[in-house]
């Protein structure tokens, strides 16, 4: 999360607010494009933290995807 925030600031984007329950994670393509390995690693990392993936959307500028995580995990309700 820290790297994503630093990258957003370095691109002169407004800094997003601190997540409370839901966390949006931008997955950007590499030089070779967006392979399945990149989002899979992000999903594995979310699973290791017991987060629940609740949404995937195209990044508005077309530069990747955004994963939306429920940080309260699998026992949320």
Protein backbone atom coordinates (compact mmCIF):
# COMPACT_ATOMS: atom_id res chain seq x y z
CA UNK A 1 0.00 0.00 0.00
CA UNK A 2 2.79 2.44 0.78
CA UNK A 3 4.41 1.97 -2.64
CA UNK A 4 1.07 2.64 -4.35
CA UNK A 5 0.56 5.84 -2.35
CA UNK A 6 4.09 7.02 -3.13
CA UNK A 7 3.58 6.26 -6.82
CA UNK A 8 0.31 8.23 -6.83
CA UNK A 9 1.98 11.23 -5.24
CA UNK A 10 4.91 11.08 -7.65
CA UNK A 11 2.48 11.21 -10.60
CA UNK A 12 0.92 14.39 -9.17
CA UNK A 13 -2.36 12.64 -8.44
CA UNK A 14 -4.25 13.69 -5.33
CA UNK A 15 -3.35 11.39 -2.45
CA UNK A 16 -6.21 9.00 -1.72
CA UNK A 17 -7.73 9.02 1.77
CA UNK A 18 -6.57 6.39 4.24
CA UNK A 19 -8.70 3.25 3.74
CA UNK A 20 -11.11 2.36 6.53
CA UNK A 21 -12.57 -0.97 5.45
CA UNK A 22 -12.18 -1.15 1.68
CA UNK A 23 -8.84 -0.74 -0.05
CA UNK A 24 -8.36 -0.03 -3.76
CA UNK A 25 -5.15 -1.42 -5.22
CA UNK A 26 -4.02 -0.34 -8.68
CA UNK A 27 -2.35 -3.05 -10.77
CA UNK A 28 -0.38 -1.47 -13.59
CA UNK A 29 0.96 -3.32 -16.62
CA UNK A 30 4.67 -4.05 -16.92
CA UNK A 31 6.70 -3.31 -20.04
CA UNK A 32 5.35 -6.57 -21.50
CA UNK A 33 1.74 -5.69 -20.69
CA UNK A 34 -0.56 -6.99 -17.96
CA UNK A 35 0.18 -10.68 -17.55
CA UNK A 36 -1.87 -12.93 -15.30
CA UNK A 37 1.11 -13.25 -12.96
CA UNK A 38 0.81 -9.63 -11.77
CA UNK A 39 -2.82 -9.70 -10.52
CA UNK A 40 -2.35 -13.28 -9.28
CA UNK A 41 0.50 -12.20 -7.01
CA UNK A 42 -1.63 -9.30 -5.74
CA UNK A 43 -4.50 -11.71 -5.02
CA UNK A 44 -2.15 -14.11 -3.25
CA UNK A 45 -0.86 -11.27 -1.08
CA UNK A 46 -4.43 -10.21 -0.22
CA UNK A 47 -5.27 -13.81 0.70
CA UNK A 48 -2.21 -14.01 2.98
CA UNK A 49 -3.59 -10.97 4.83
CA UNK A 50 -7.06 -12.64 4.99
CA UNK A 51 -8.59 -9.87 2.88
CA UNK A 52 -11.56 -10.60 0.63
CA UNK A 53 -11.52 -9.48 -3.00
CA UNK A 54 -14.87 -7.76 -3.63
CA UNK A 55 -14.35 -6.08 -6.99
CA UNK A 56 -12.18 -5.65 -10.05
CA UNK A 57 -12.55 -2.65 -12.36
CA UNK A 58 -10.66 -1.26 -15.31
CA UNK A 59 -8.40 1.64 -14.34
CA UNK A 60 -10.13 4.79 -15.70
CA UNK A 61 -7.19 5.81 -17.90
CA UNK A 62 -6.86 2.29 -19.31
CA UNK A 63 -3.50 1.72 -17.61
CA UNK A 64 -4.32 -1.48 -15.74
CA UNK A 65 -6.96 -2.66 -13.28
CA UNK A 66 -8.06 -1.83 -9.75
CA UNK A 67 -8.64 -4.56 -7.18
CA UNK A 68 -11.06 -3.64 -4.40
CA UNK A 69 -10.39 -5.43 -1.11
CA UNK A 70 -12.49 -5.81 2.05
CA UNK A 71 -9.80 -5.53 4.71
CA UNK A 72 -12.07 -7.03 7.36
CA UNK A 73 -11.61 -10.31 5.54
CA UNK A 74 -13.71 -13.38 5.16
CA UNK A 75 -15.64 -12.94 8.39
CA UNK A 76 -17.08 -9.56 7.50
CA UNK A 77 -20.72 -8.88 7.72
